[in-house]
């Protein structure tokens, strides 16, 4: 990849806007479009749904699957809530009503979660 002022004495590599490393060495999370997408910029929404037979499920939406490691987040949530869970179409689902624990864990991971629904 060519850098800024390529072929002149002022030549330098293209760097990341966030970490200021060369783009090849950048480890910042990137979204589907390739732009840097930090956890604080993702609109995490924590909600509750009623399922059949009165079962309650905590859902977390709004996280970019390319920029976030959804499987790692799911694993941390399952162990923190002592409940089962899964990922369906980019939505994290935890069995039971664990909205407060999910909010706390997401805040600790750098996200800015908001409650949705009732």
PDB file of N, CA and C in Angstrom:
ATOM      1  N   UNK A   1       0.851  -1.176   0.000  1.00  0.00           N
ATOM      2  CA  UNK A   1       0.000   0.000   0.000  1.00  0.00           C
ATOM      3  C   UNK A   1       0.895   1.237   0.000  1.00  0.00           C
ATOM      4  N   UNK A   2       0.614   2.185  -0.838  1.00  0.00           N
ATOM      5  CA  UNK A   2       1.401   3.408  -0.888  1.00  0.00           C
ATOM      6  C   UNK A   2       1.017   4.311   0.272  1.00  0.00           C
ATOM      7  N   UNK A   3       1.951   5.161   0.661  1.00  0.00           N
ATOM      8  CA  UNK A   3       1.717   6.038   1.793  1.00  0.00           C
ATOM      9  C   UNK A   3       1.469   7.467   1.353  1.00  0.00           C
ATOM     10  N   UNK A   4       1.433   8.329   2.326  1.00  0.00           N
ATOM     11  CA  UNK A   4       1.257   9.744   2.048  1.00  0.00           C
ATOM     12  C   UNK A   4       2.540  10.308   1.449  1.00  0.00           C
ATOM     13  N   UNK A   5       2.421  11.186   0.506  1.00  0.00           N
ATOM     14  CA  UNK A   5       3.553  11.819  -0.176  1.00  0.00           C
ATOM     15  C   UNK A   5       4.495  10.770  -0.760  1.00  0.00           C
ATOM     16  N   UNK A   6       3.917   9.746  -1.397  1.00  0.00           N
ATOM     17  CA  UNK A   6       4.682   8.628  -1.929  1.00  0.00           C
ATOM     18  C   UNK A   6       5.726   9.104  -2.928  1.00  0.00           C
ATOM     19  N   UNK A   7       6.967   8.679  -2.746  1.00  0.00           N
ATOM     20  CA  UNK A   7       8.052   9.003  -3.659  1.00  0.00           C
ATOM     21  C   UNK A   7       8.748  10.317  -3.350  1.00  0.00           C
ATOM     22  N   UNK A   8       8.434  10.951  -2.220  1.00  0.00           N
ATOM     23  CA  UNK A   8       9.078  12.203  -1.826  1.00  0.00           C
ATOM     24  C   UNK A   8       9.818  11.992  -0.510  1.00  0.00           C
ATOM     25  N   UNK A   9      10.646  12.934  -0.113  1.00  0.00           N
ATOM     26  CA  UNK A   9      11.342  12.795   1.175  1.00  0.00           C
ATOM     27  C   UNK A   9      10.378  12.819   2.375  1.00  0.00           C
ATOM     28  N   UNK A  10       9.146  13.280   2.179  1.00  0.00           N
ATOM     29  CA  UNK A  10       8.173  13.351   3.263  1.00  0.00           C
ATOM     30  C   UNK A  10       7.302  12.094   3.355  1.00  0.00           C
ATOM     31  N   UNK A  11       7.683  11.043   2.638  1.00  0.00           N
ATOM     32  CA  UNK A  11       6.864   9.826   2.574  1.00  0.00           C
ATOM     33  C   UNK A  11       6.726   9.190   3.957  1.00  0.00           C
ATOM     34  N   UNK A  12       5.482   8.765   4.277  1.00  0.00           N
ATOM     35  CA  UNK A  12       5.215   8.034   5.515  1.00  0.00           C
ATOM     36  C   UNK A  12       4.003   7.134   5.268  1.00  0.00           C
ATOM     37  N   UNK A  13       3.862   6.057   6.017  1.00  0.00           N
ATOM     38  CA  UNK A  13       2.757   5.118   5.767  1.00  0.00           C
ATOM     39  C   UNK A  13       1.419   5.689   6.234  1.00  0.00           C
ATOM     40  N   UNK A  14       0.356   5.152   5.653  1.00  0.00           N
ATOM     41  CA  UNK A  14      -0.992   5.531   6.064  1.00  0.00           C
ATOM     42  C   UNK A  14      -1.248   4.911   7.434  1.00  0.00           C
ATOM     43  N   UNK A  15      -1.773   5.710   8.362  1.00  0.00           N
ATOM     44  CA  UNK A  15      -1.978   5.237   9.730  1.00  0.00           C
ATOM     45  C   UNK A  15      -3.457   5.216  10.091  1.00  0.00           C
ATOM     46  N   UNK A  16      -3.759   4.449  11.118  1.00  0.00           N
ATOM     47  CA  UNK A  16      -5.119   4.361  11.651  1.00  0.00           C
ATOM     48  C   UNK A  16      -5.451   5.662  12.382  1.00  0.00           C
ATOM     49  N   UNK A  17      -6.702   6.089  12.303  1.00  0.00           N
ATOM     50  CA  UNK A  17      -7.125   7.326  12.961  1.00  0.00           C
ATOM     51  C   UNK A  17      -7.138   7.184  14.477  1.00  0.00           C
ATOM     52  N   UNK A  18      -7.386   5.969  14.967  1.00  0.00           N
ATOM     53  CA  UNK A  18      -7.565   5.754  16.397  1.00  0.00           C
ATOM     54  C   UNK A  18      -6.252   5.444  17.100  1.00  0.00           C
ATOM     55  N   UNK A  19      -5.539   4.400  16.639  1.00  0.00           N
ATOM     56  CA  UNK A  19      -4.324   3.967  17.337  1.00  0.00           C
ATOM     57  C   UNK A  19      -3.044   4.558  16.746  1.00  0.00           C
ATOM     58  N   UNK A  20      -3.131   5.182  15.600  1.00  0.00           N
ATOM     59  CA  UNK A  20      -2.022   5.835  14.911  1.00  0.00           C
ATOM     60  C   UNK A  20      -0.899   4.881  14.513  1.00  0.00           C
ATOM     61  N   UNK A  21      -1.221   3.608  14.380  1.00  0.00           N
ATOM     62  CA  UNK A  21      -0.270   2.623  13.854  1.00  0.00           C
ATOM     63  C   UNK A  21      -0.468   2.540  12.350  1.00  0.00           C
ATOM     64  N   UNK A  22       0.527   1.995  11.624  1.00  0.00           N
ATOM     65  CA  UNK A  22       0.306   1.753  10.202  1.00  0.00           C
ATOM     66  C   UNK A  22      -0.902   0.830  10.010  1.00  0.00           C
ATOM     67  N   UNK A  23      -1.645   1.028   8.946  1.00  0.00           N
ATOM     68  CA  UNK A  23      -2.896   0.307   8.716  1.00  0.00           C
ATOM     69  C   UNK A  23      -2.680  -1.205   8.749  1.00  0.00           C
ATOM     70  N   UNK A  24      -1.542  -1.698   8.251  1.00  0.00           N
ATOM     71  CA  UNK A  24      -1.267  -3.127   8.254  1.00  0.00           C
ATOM     72  C   UNK A  24      -1.135  -3.681   9.662  1.00  0.00           C
ATOM     73  N   UNK A  25      -0.707  -2.870  10.632  1.00  0.00           N
ATOM     74  CA  UNK A  25      -0.488  -3.320  12.003  1.00  0.00           C
ATOM     75  C   UNK A  25      -1.638  -2.960  12.942  1.00  0.00           C
ATOM     76  N   UNK A  26      -2.635  -2.285  12.445  1.00  0.00           N
ATOM     77  CA  UNK A  26      -3.758  -1.840  13.263  1.00  0.00           C
ATOM     78  C   UNK A  26      -4.586  -3.036  13.740  1.00  0.00           C
ATOM     79  N   UNK A  27      -4.916  -3.048  15.032  1.00  0.00           N
ATOM     80  CA  UNK A  27      -5.722  -4.123  15.609  1.00  0.00           C
ATOM     81  C   UNK A  27      -7.076  -3.607  16.087  1.00  0.00           C
ATOM     82  N   UNK A  28      -7.450  -2.419  15.672  1.00  0.00           N
ATOM     83  CA  UNK A  28      -8.733  -1.842  16.076  1.00  0.00           C
ATOM     84  C   UNK A  28      -9.878  -2.639  15.447  1.00  0.00           C
ATOM     85  N   UNK A  29     -11.004  -2.802  16.172  1.00  0.00           N
ATOM     86  CA  UNK A  29     -12.133  -3.543  15.596  1.00  0.00           C
ATOM     87  C   UNK A  29     -12.744  -2.771  14.426  1.00  0.00           C
ATOM     88  N   UNK A  30     -12.973  -3.493  13.331  1.00  0.00           N
ATOM     89  CA  UNK A  30     -13.523  -2.866  12.133  1.00  0.00           C
ATOM     90  C   UNK A  30     -14.886  -3.466  11.821  1.00  0.00           C
ATOM     91  N   UNK A  31     -15.803  -2.616  11.367  1.00  0.00           N
ATOM     92  CA  UNK A  31     -17.139  -3.051  11.001  1.00  0.00           C
ATOM     93  C   UNK A  31     -17.151  -3.716   9.634  1.00  0.00           C
ATOM     94  N   UNK A  32     -18.337  -4.038   9.173  1.00  0.00           N
ATOM     95  CA  UNK A  32     -18.510  -4.707   7.887  1.00  0.00           C
ATOM     96  C   UNK A  32     -17.979  -3.843   6.751  1.00  0.00           C
ATOM     97  N   UNK A  33     -18.149  -2.524   6.840  1.00  0.00           N
ATOM     98  CA  UNK A  33     -17.706  -1.620   5.783  1.00  0.00           C
ATOM     99  C   UNK A  33     -16.196  -1.359   5.824  1.00  0.00           C
ATOM    100  N   UNK A  34     -15.499  -1.824   6.870  1.00  0.00           N
ATOM    101  CA  UNK A  34     -14.058  -1.646   6.967  1.00  0.00           C
ATOM    102  C   UNK A  34     -13.629  -0.464   7.809  1.00  0.00           C
ATOM    103  N   UNK A  35     -14.558   0.345   8.276  1.00  0.00           N
ATOM    104  CA  UNK A  35     -14.192   1.482   9.120  1.00  0.00           C
ATOM    105  C   UNK A  35     -14.024   1.013  10.573  1.00  0.00           C
ATOM    106  N   UNK A  36     -13.235   1.743  11.339  1.00  0.00           N
ATOM    107  CA  UNK A  36     -13.008   1.406  12.746  1.00  0.00           C
ATOM    108  C   UNK A  36     -14.308   1.634  13.519  1.00  0.00           C
ATOM    109  N   UNK A  37     -14.727   0.617  14.260  1.00  0.00           N
ATOM    110  CA  UNK A  37     -15.970   0.672  15.009  1.00  0.00           C
ATOM    111  C   UNK A  37     -15.693   0.216  16.438  1.00  0.00           C
ATOM    112  N   UNK A  38     -15.472   1.167  17.328  1.00  0.00           N
ATOM    113  CA  UNK A  38     -15.160   0.865  18.723  1.00  0.00           C
ATOM    114  C   UNK A  38     -16.420   0.470  19.485  1.00  0.00           C
ATOM    115  N   UNK A  39     -16.266  -0.250  20.597  1.00  0.00           N
ATOM    116  CA  UNK A  39     -17.444  -0.638  21.390  1.00  0.00           C
ATOM    117  C   UNK A  39     -18.308   0.545  21.814  1.00  0.00           C
ATOM    118  N   UNK A  40     -17.693   1.669  22.166  1.00  0.00           N
ATOM    119  CA  UNK A  40     -18.485   2.818  22.626  1.00  0.00           C
ATOM    120  C   UNK A  40     -19.342   3.424  21.517  1.00  0.00           C
ATOM    121  N   UNK A  41     -19.034   3.103  20.262  1.00  0.00           N
ATOM    122  CA  UNK A  41     -19.794   3.631  19.134  1.00  0.00           C
ATOM    123  C   UNK A  41     -20.909   2.696  18.667  1.00  0.00           C
ATOM    124  N   UNK A  42     -21.053   1.539  19.308  1.00  0.00           N
ATOM    125  CA  UNK A  42     -22.080   0.582  18.913  1.00  0.00           C
ATOM    126  C   UNK A  42     -23.282   0.719  19.843  1.00  0.00           C
ATOM    127  N   UNK A  43     -24.466   0.863  19.297  1.00  0.00           N
ATOM    128  CA  UNK A  43     -25.665   1.068  20.126  1.00  0.00           C
ATOM    129  C   UNK A  43     -26.212  -0.246  20.682  1.00  0.00           C
ATOM    130  N   UNK A  44     -25.662  -0.716  21.788  1.00  0.00           N
ATOM    131  CA  UNK A  44     -26.126  -1.963  22.404  1.00  0.00           C
ATOM    132  C   UNK A  44     -27.479  -1.726  23.070  1.00  0.00           C
ATOM    133  N   UNK A  45     -28.449  -2.557  22.726  1.00  0.00           N
ATOM    134  CA  UNK A  45     -29.799  -2.453  23.285  1.00  0.00           C
ATOM    135  C   UNK A  45     -30.117  -3.740  24.026  1.00  0.00           C
ATOM    136  N   UNK A  46     -30.453  -3.619  25.305  1.00  0.00           N
ATOM    137  CA  UNK A  46     -30.764  -4.772  26.143  1.00  0.00           C
ATOM    138  C   UNK A  46     -32.263  -4.785  26.394  1.00  0.00           C
ATOM    139  N   UNK A  47     -32.905  -5.869  26.020  1.00  0.00           N
ATOM    140  CA  UNK A  47     -34.356  -5.962  26.168  1.00  0.00           C
ATOM    141  C   UNK A  47     -34.779  -7.296  26.763  1.00  0.00           C
ATOM    142  N   UNK A  48     -36.082  -7.428  26.932  1.00  0.00           N
ATOM    143  CA  UNK A  48     -36.661  -8.644  27.495  1.00  0.00           C
ATOM    144  C   UNK A  48     -37.823  -9.057  26.610  1.00  0.00           C
ATOM    145  N   UNK A  49     -37.911 -10.348  26.328  1.00  0.00           N
ATOM    146  CA  UNK A  49     -39.007 -10.884  25.528  1.00  0.00           C
ATOM    147  C   UNK A  49     -39.657 -12.032  26.268  1.00  0.00           C
ATOM    148  N   UNK A  50     -40.967 -12.144  26.093  1.00  0.00           N
ATOM    149  CA  UNK A  50     -41.711 -13.291  26.617  1.00  0.00           C
ATOM    150  C   UNK A  50     -41.842 -14.297  25.490  1.00  0.00           C
ATOM    151  N   UNK A  51     -41.513 -15.525  25.771  1.00  0.00           N
ATOM    152  CA  UNK A  51     -41.620 -16.597  24.786  1.00  0.00           C
ATOM    153  C   UNK A  51     -42.769 -17.527  25.164  1.00  0.00           C
ATOM    154  N   UNK A  52     -42.903 -18.588  24.426  1.00  0.00           N
ATOM    155  CA  UNK A  52     -43.995 -19.521  24.685  1.00  0.00           C
ATOM    156  C   UNK A  52     -43.890 -20.107  26.092  1.00  0.00           C
ATOM    157  N   UNK A  53     -45.016 -20.461  26.635  1.00  0.00           N
ATOM    158  CA  UNK A  53     -45.142 -21.019  27.977  1.00  0.00           C
ATOM    159  C   UNK A  53     -44.624 -20.072  29.057  1.00  0.00           C
ATOM    160  N   UNK A  54     -44.612 -18.775  28.776  1.00  0.00           N
ATOM    161  CA  UNK A  54     -44.235 -17.775  29.768  1.00  0.00           C
ATOM    162  C   UNK A  54     -42.749 -17.640  30.037  1.00  0.00           C
ATOM    163  N   UNK A  55     -41.915 -18.226  29.209  1.00  0.00           N
ATOM    164  CA  UNK A  55     -40.466 -18.133  29.398  1.00  0.00           C
ATOM    165  C   UNK A  55     -39.982 -16.731  29.036  1.00  0.00           C
ATOM    166  N   UNK A  56     -39.034 -16.215  29.801  1.00  0.00           N
ATOM    167  CA  UNK A  56     -38.468 -14.889  29.571  1.00  0.00           C
ATOM    168  C   UNK A  56     -37.062 -15.032  29.001  1.00  0.00           C
ATOM    169  N   UNK A  57     -36.739 -14.185  28.025  1.00  0.00           N
ATOM    170  CA  UNK A  57     -35.427 -14.199  27.393  1.00  0.00           C
ATOM    171  C   UNK A  57     -34.888 -12.767  27.366  1.00  0.00           C
ATOM    172  N   UNK A  58     -33.639 -12.592  27.759  1.00  0.00           N
ATOM    173  CA  UNK A  58     -32.962 -11.303  27.667  1.00  0.00           C
ATOM    174  C   UNK A  58     -32.274 -11.233  26.306  1.00  0.00           C
ATOM    175  N   UNK A  59     -32.520 -10.168  25.554  1.00  0.00           N
ATOM    176  CA  UNK A  59     -31.935 -10.026  24.224  1.00  0.00           C
ATOM    177  C   UNK A  59     -31.003  -8.817  24.181  1.00  0.00           C
ATOM    178  N   UNK A  60     -29.932  -8.960  23.426  1.00  0.00           N
ATOM    179  CA  UNK A  60     -28.979  -7.869  23.225  1.00  0.00           C
ATOM    180  C   UNK A  60     -28.823  -7.684  21.725  1.00  0.00           C
ATOM    181  N   UNK A  61     -29.196  -6.501  21.232  1.00  0.00           N
ATOM    182  CA  UNK A  61     -29.142  -6.197  19.806  1.00  0.00           C
ATOM    183  C   UNK A  61     -28.257  -4.980  19.573  1.00  0.00           C
ATOM    184  N   UNK A  62     -27.964  -4.716  18.315  1.00  0.00           N
ATOM    185  CA  UNK A  62     -27.240  -3.505  17.940  1.00  0.00           C
ATOM    186  C   UNK A  62     -25.735  -3.663  17.880  1.00  0.00           C
ATOM    187  N   UNK A  63     -25.199  -4.846  18.182  1.00  0.00           N
ATOM    188  CA  UNK A  63     -23.759  -5.050  18.120  1.00  0.00           C
ATOM    189  C   UNK A  63     -23.370  -5.509  16.723  1.00  0.00           C
ATOM    190  N   UNK A  64     -22.311  -4.942  16.188  1.00  0.00           N
ATOM    191  CA  UNK A  64     -21.829  -5.316  14.860  1.00  0.00           C
ATOM    192  C   UNK A  64     -21.091  -6.653  14.958  1.00  0.00           C
ATOM    193  N   UNK A  65     -21.553  -7.691  14.255  1.00  0.00           N
ATOM    194  CA  UNK A  65     -20.905  -9.000  14.369  1.00  0.00           C
ATOM    195  C   UNK A  65     -19.464  -9.018  13.860  1.00  0.00           C
ATOM    196  N   UNK A  66     -19.120  -8.127  12.942  1.00  0.00           N
ATOM    197  CA  UNK A  66     -17.751  -8.102  12.420  1.00  0.00           C
ATOM    198  C   UNK A  66     -16.806  -7.397  13.386  1.00  0.00           C
ATOM    199  N   UNK A  67     -17.270  -6.369  14.079  1.00  0.00           N
ATOM    200  CA  UNK A  67     -16.412  -5.594  14.968  1.00  0.00           C
ATOM    201  C   UNK A  67     -16.414  -6.132  16.399  1.00  0.00           C
ATOM    202  N   UNK A  68     -17.429  -6.885  16.768  1.00  0.00           N
ATOM    203  CA  UNK A  68     -17.537  -7.434  18.111  1.00  0.00           C
ATOM    204  C   UNK A  68     -17.406  -8.948  18.046  1.00  0.00           C
ATOM    205  N   UNK A  69     -16.774  -9.512  19.051  1.00  0.00           N
ATOM    206  CA  UNK A  69     -16.691 -10.967  19.153  1.00  0.00           C
ATOM    207  C   UNK A  69     -17.921 -11.437  19.920  1.00  0.00           C
ATOM    208  N   UNK A  70     -19.010 -11.687  19.185  1.00  0.00           N
ATOM    209  CA  UNK A  70     -20.276 -12.038  19.821  1.00  0.00           C
ATOM    210  C   UNK A  70     -20.171 -13.322  20.626  1.00  0.00           C
ATOM    211  N   UNK A  71     -19.383 -14.286  20.153  1.00  0.00           N
ATOM    212  CA  UNK A  71     -19.241 -15.538  20.894  1.00  0.00           C
ATOM    213  C   UNK A  71     -18.565 -15.322  22.248  1.00  0.00           C
ATOM    214  N   UNK A  72     -17.565 -14.450  22.309  1.00  0.00           N
ATOM    215  CA  UNK A  72     -16.900 -14.165  23.580  1.00  0.00           C
ATOM    216  C   UNK A  72     -17.839 -13.416  24.527  1.00  0.00           C
ATOM    217  N   UNK A  73     -18.609 -12.479  23.994  1.00  0.00           N
ATOM    218  CA  UNK A  73     -19.570 -11.742  24.823  1.00  0.00           C
ATOM    219  C   UNK A  73     -20.631 -12.697  25.353  1.00  0.00           C
ATOM    220  N   UNK A  74     -21.119 -13.592  24.493  1.00  0.00           N
ATOM    221  CA  UNK A  74     -22.110 -14.583  24.912  1.00  0.00           C
ATOM    222  C   UNK A  74     -21.553 -15.465  26.019  1.00  0.00           C
ATOM    223  N   UNK A  75     -20.336 -15.907  25.876  1.00  0.00           N
ATOM    224  CA  UNK A  75     -19.718 -16.762  26.887  1.00  0.00           C
ATOM    225  C   UNK A  75     -19.611 -16.052  28.235  1.00  0.00           C
ATOM    226  N   UNK A  76     -19.203 -14.788  28.211  1.00  0.00           N
ATOM    227  CA  UNK A  76     -19.100 -14.022  29.464  1.00  0.00           C
ATOM    228  C   UNK A  76     -20.471 -13.815  30.091  1.00  0.00           C
ATOM    229  N   UNK A  77     -21.468 -13.536  29.261  1.00  0.00           N
ATOM    230  CA  UNK A  77     -22.826 -13.344  29.779  1.00  0.00           C
ATOM    231  C   UNK A  77     -23.387 -14.630  30.381  1.00  0.00           C
ATOM    232  N   UNK A  78     -23.166 -15.747  29.711  1.00  0.00           N
ATOM    233  CA  UNK A  78     -23.679 -17.016  30.210  1.00  0.00           C
ATOM    234  C   UNK A  78     -23.061 -17.368  31.563  1.00  0.00           C
ATOM    235  N   UNK A  79     -21.762 -17.123  31.714  1.00  0.00           N
ATOM    236  CA  UNK A  79     -21.132 -17.440  32.993  1.00  0.00           C
ATOM    237  C   UNK A  79     -21.527 -16.436  34.077  1.00  0.00           C
ATOM    238  N   UNK A  80     -21.701 -15.172  33.720  1.00  0.00           N
ATOM    239  CA  UNK A  80     -22.094 -14.165  34.710  1.00  0.00           C
ATOM    240  C   UNK A  80     -23.536 -14.365  35.178  1.00  0.00           C
ATOM    241  N   UNK A  81     -24.398 -14.804  34.279  1.00  0.00           N
ATOM    242  CA  UNK A  81     -25.817 -14.974  34.606  1.00  0.00           C
ATOM    243  C   UNK A  81     -26.153 -16.397  35.043  1.00  0.00           C
ATOM    244  N   UNK A  82     -25.218 -17.327  34.892  1.00  0.00           N
ATOM    245  CA  UNK A  82     -25.453 -18.747  35.202  1.00  0.00           C
ATOM    246  C   UNK A  82     -26.685 -19.241  34.457  1.00  0.00           C
ATOM    247  N   UNK A  83     -26.729 -18.943  33.165  1.00  0.00           N
ATOM    248  CA  UNK A  83     -27.875 -19.324  32.338  1.00  0.00           C
ATOM    249  C   UNK A  83     -27.389 -19.716  30.952  1.00  0.00           C
ATOM    250  N   UNK A  84     -28.262 -20.362  30.212  1.00  0.00           N
ATOM    251  CA  UNK A  84     -27.947 -20.724  28.841  1.00  0.00           C
ATOM    252  C   UNK A  84     -28.205 -19.559  27.908  1.00  0.00           C
ATOM    253  N   UNK A  85     -27.706 -19.681  26.695  1.00  0.00           N
ATOM    254  CA  UNK A  85     -27.931 -18.628  25.721  1.00  0.00           C
ATOM    255  C   UNK A  85     -27.456 -19.020  24.348  1.00  0.00           C
ATOM    256  N   UNK A  86     -27.767 -18.184  23.363  1.00  0.00           N
ATOM    257  CA  UNK A  86     -27.400 -18.448  21.983  1.00  0.00           C
ATOM    258  C   UNK A  86     -27.324 -17.131  21.213  1.00  0.00           C
ATOM    259  N   UNK A  87     -26.899 -17.249  19.957  1.00  0.00           N
ATOM    260  CA  UNK A  87     -26.875 -16.101  19.042  1.00  0.00           C
ATOM    261  C   UNK A  87     -27.762 -16.457  17.854  1.00  0.00           C
ATOM    262  N   UNK A  88     -28.791 -15.659  17.608  1.00  0.00           N
ATOM    263  CA  UNK A  88     -29.693 -15.853  16.475  1.00  0.00           C
ATOM    264  C   UNK A  88     -29.709 -14.590  15.628  1.00  0.00           C
ATOM    265  N   UNK A  89     -29.225 -14.683  14.401  1.00  0.00           N
ATOM    266  CA  UNK A  89     -29.222 -13.560  13.457  1.00  0.00           C
ATOM    267  C   UNK A  89     -28.574 -12.311  14.037  1.00  0.00           C
ATOM    268  N   UNK A  90     -27.454 -12.460  14.735  1.00  0.00           N
ATOM    269  CA  UNK A  90     -26.741 -11.330  15.303  1.00  0.00           C
ATOM    270  C   UNK A  90     -27.317 -10.807  16.602  1.00  0.00           C
ATOM    271  N   UNK A  91     -28.322 -11.492  17.152  1.00  0.00           N
ATOM    272  CA  UNK A  91     -28.946 -11.097  18.424  1.00  0.00           C
ATOM    273  C   UNK A  91     -28.520 -12.095  19.487  1.00  0.00           C
ATOM    274  N   UNK A  92     -27.952 -11.598  20.578  1.00  0.00           N
ATOM    275  CA  UNK A  92     -27.566 -12.463  21.696  1.00  0.00           C
ATOM    276  C   UNK A  92     -28.803 -12.680  22.559  1.00  0.00           C
ATOM    277  N   UNK A  93     -29.090 -13.949  22.865  1.00  0.00           N
ATOM    278  CA  UNK A  93     -30.238 -14.291  23.698  1.00  0.00           C
ATOM    279  C   UNK A  93     -29.762 -15.065  24.917  1.00  0.00           C
ATOM    280  N   UNK A  94     -30.191 -14.625  26.110  1.00  0.00           N
ATOM    281  CA  UNK A  94     -29.863 -15.285  27.372  1.00  0.00           C
ATOM    282  C   UNK A  94     -31.167 -15.716  28.020  1.00  0.00           C
ATOM    283  N   UNK A  95     -31.223 -16.947  28.497  1.00  0.00           N
ATOM    284  CA  UNK A  95     -32.433 -17.454  29.125  1.00  0.00           C
ATOM    285  C   UNK A  95     -32.661 -16.759  30.464  1.00  0.00           C
ATOM    286  N   UNK A  96     -33.856 -16.236  30.668  1.00  0.00           N
ATOM    287  CA  UNK A  96     -34.212 -15.572  31.917  1.00  0.00           C
ATOM    288  C   UNK A  96     -34.114 -14.058  31.795  1.00  0.00           C
ATOM    289  N   UNK A  97     -34.532 -13.383  32.863  1.00  0.00           N
ATOM    290  CA  UNK A  97     -34.483 -11.918  32.905  1.00  0.00           C
ATOM    291  C   UNK A  97     -33.200 -11.482  33.598  1.00  0.00           C
ATOM    292  N   UNK A  98     -32.170 -11.180  32.801  1.00  0.00           N
ATOM    293  CA  UNK A  98     -30.857 -10.796  33.333  1.00  0.00           C
ATOM    294  C   UNK A  98     -30.425  -9.444  32.764  1.00  0.00           C
ATOM    295  N   UNK A  99     -31.367  -8.524  32.640  1.00  0.00           N
ATOM    296  CA  UNK A  99     -31.054  -7.243  32.010  1.00  0.00           C
ATOM    297  C   UNK A  99     -30.018  -6.444  32.785  1.00  0.00           C
ATOM    298  N   UNK A 100     -30.137  -6.399  34.105  1.00  0.00           N
ATOM    299  CA  UNK A 100     -29.197  -5.593  34.901  1.00  0.00           C
ATOM    300  C   UNK A 100     -27.782  -6.160  34.836  1.00  0.00           C
ATOM    301  N   UNK A 101     -27.647  -7.483  34.942  1.00  0.00           N
ATOM    302  CA  UNK A 101     -26.323  -8.094  34.833  1.00  0.00           C
ATOM    303  C   UNK A 101     -25.731  -7.866  33.449  1.00  0.00           C
ATOM    304  N   UNK A 102     -26.559  -7.981  32.424  1.00  0.00           N
ATOM    305  CA  UNK A 102     -26.085  -7.763  31.056  1.00  0.00           C
ATOM    306  C   UNK A 102     -25.631  -6.314  30.870  1.00  0.00           C
ATOM    307  N   UNK A 103     -26.400  -5.386  31.424  1.00  0.00           N
ATOM    308  CA  UNK A 103     -26.022  -3.964  31.325  1.00  0.00           C
ATOM    309  C   UNK A 103     -24.669  -3.729  31.996  1.00  0.00           C
ATOM    310  N   UNK A 104     -24.467  -4.289  33.178  1.00  0.00           N
ATOM    311  CA  UNK A 104     -23.216  -4.107  33.909  1.00  0.00           C
ATOM    312  C   UNK A 104     -22.042  -4.697  33.142  1.00  0.00           C
ATOM    313  N   UNK A 105     -22.212  -5.905  32.621  1.00  0.00           N
ATOM    314  CA  UNK A 105     -21.133  -6.550  31.890  1.00  0.00           C
ATOM    315  C   UNK A 105     -20.789  -5.788  30.610  1.00  0.00           C
ATOM    316  N   UNK A 106     -21.796  -5.334  29.885  1.00  0.00           N
ATOM    317  CA  UNK A 106     -21.542  -4.570  28.658  1.00  0.00           C
ATOM    318  C   UNK A 106     -20.836  -3.254  28.956  1.00  0.00           C
ATOM    319  N   UNK A 107     -21.208  -2.598  30.061  1.00  0.00           N
ATOM    320  CA  UNK A 107     -20.506  -1.369  30.454  1.00  0.00           C
ATOM    321  C   UNK A 107     -19.039  -1.659  30.743  1.00  0.00           C
ATOM    322  N   UNK A 108     -18.772  -2.777  31.430  1.00  0.00           N
ATOM    323  CA  UNK A 108     -17.390  -3.150  31.745  1.00  0.00           C
ATOM    324  C   UNK A 108     -16.578  -3.448  30.485  1.00  0.00           C
ATOM    325  N   UNK A 109     -17.247  -3.910  29.432  1.00  0.00           N
ATOM    326  CA  UNK A 109     -16.573  -4.202  28.168  1.00  0.00           C
ATOM    327  C   UNK A 109     -16.396  -2.972  27.287  1.00  0.00           C
ATOM    328  N   UNK A 110     -16.933  -1.829  27.703  1.00  0.00           N
ATOM    329  CA  UNK A 110     -16.745  -0.589  26.956  1.00  0.00           C
ATOM    330  C   UNK A 110     -17.931  -0.163  26.121  1.00  0.00           C
ATOM    331  N   UNK A 111     -19.017  -0.926  26.126  1.00  0.00           N
ATOM    332  CA  UNK A 111     -20.213  -0.566  25.368  1.00  0.00           C
ATOM    333  C   UNK A 111     -21.051   0.415  26.192  1.00  0.00           C
ATOM    334  N   UNK A 112     -21.958   1.097  25.518  1.00  0.00           N
ATOM    335  CA  UNK A 112     -22.898   1.986  26.194  1.00  0.00           C
ATOM    336  C   UNK A 112     -24.306   1.436  25.991  1.00  0.00           C
ATOM    337  N   UNK A 113     -24.718   0.477  26.844  1.00  0.00           N
ATOM    338  CA  UNK A 113     -26.010  -0.176  26.643  1.00  0.00           C
ATOM    339  C   UNK A 113     -27.174   0.667  27.119  1.00  0.00           C
ATOM    340  N   UNK A 114     -28.326   0.428  26.513  1.00  0.00           N
ATOM    341  CA  UNK A 114     -29.566   1.085  26.913  1.00  0.00           C
ATOM    342  C   UNK A 114     -30.652   0.016  27.023  1.00  0.00           C
ATOM    343  N   UNK A 115     -31.564   0.214  27.961  1.00  0.00           N
ATOM    344  CA  UNK A 115     -32.688  -0.698  28.109  1.00  0.00           C
ATOM    345  C   UNK A 115     -33.752  -0.389  27.046  1.00  0.00           C
ATOM    346  N   UNK A 116     -34.363  -1.435  26.522  1.00  0.00           N
ATOM    347  CA  UNK A 116     -35.449  -1.270  25.564  1.00  0.00           C
ATOM    348  C   UNK A 116     -36.643  -2.081  26.043  1.00  0.00           C
ATOM    349  N   UNK A 117     -37.794  -1.720  25.587  1.00  0.00           N
ATOM    350  CA  UNK A 117     -38.987  -2.486  25.925  1.00  0.00           C
ATOM    351  C   UNK A 117     -39.456  -2.238  27.346  1.00  0.00           C
ATOM    352  N   UNK A 118     -40.254  -3.169  27.868  1.00  0.00           N
ATOM    353  CA  UNK A 118     -40.818  -3.002  29.186  1.00  0.00           C
ATOM    354  C   UNK A 118     -40.419  -3.968  30.161  1.00  0.00           C
TER     355      UNK A 118
END
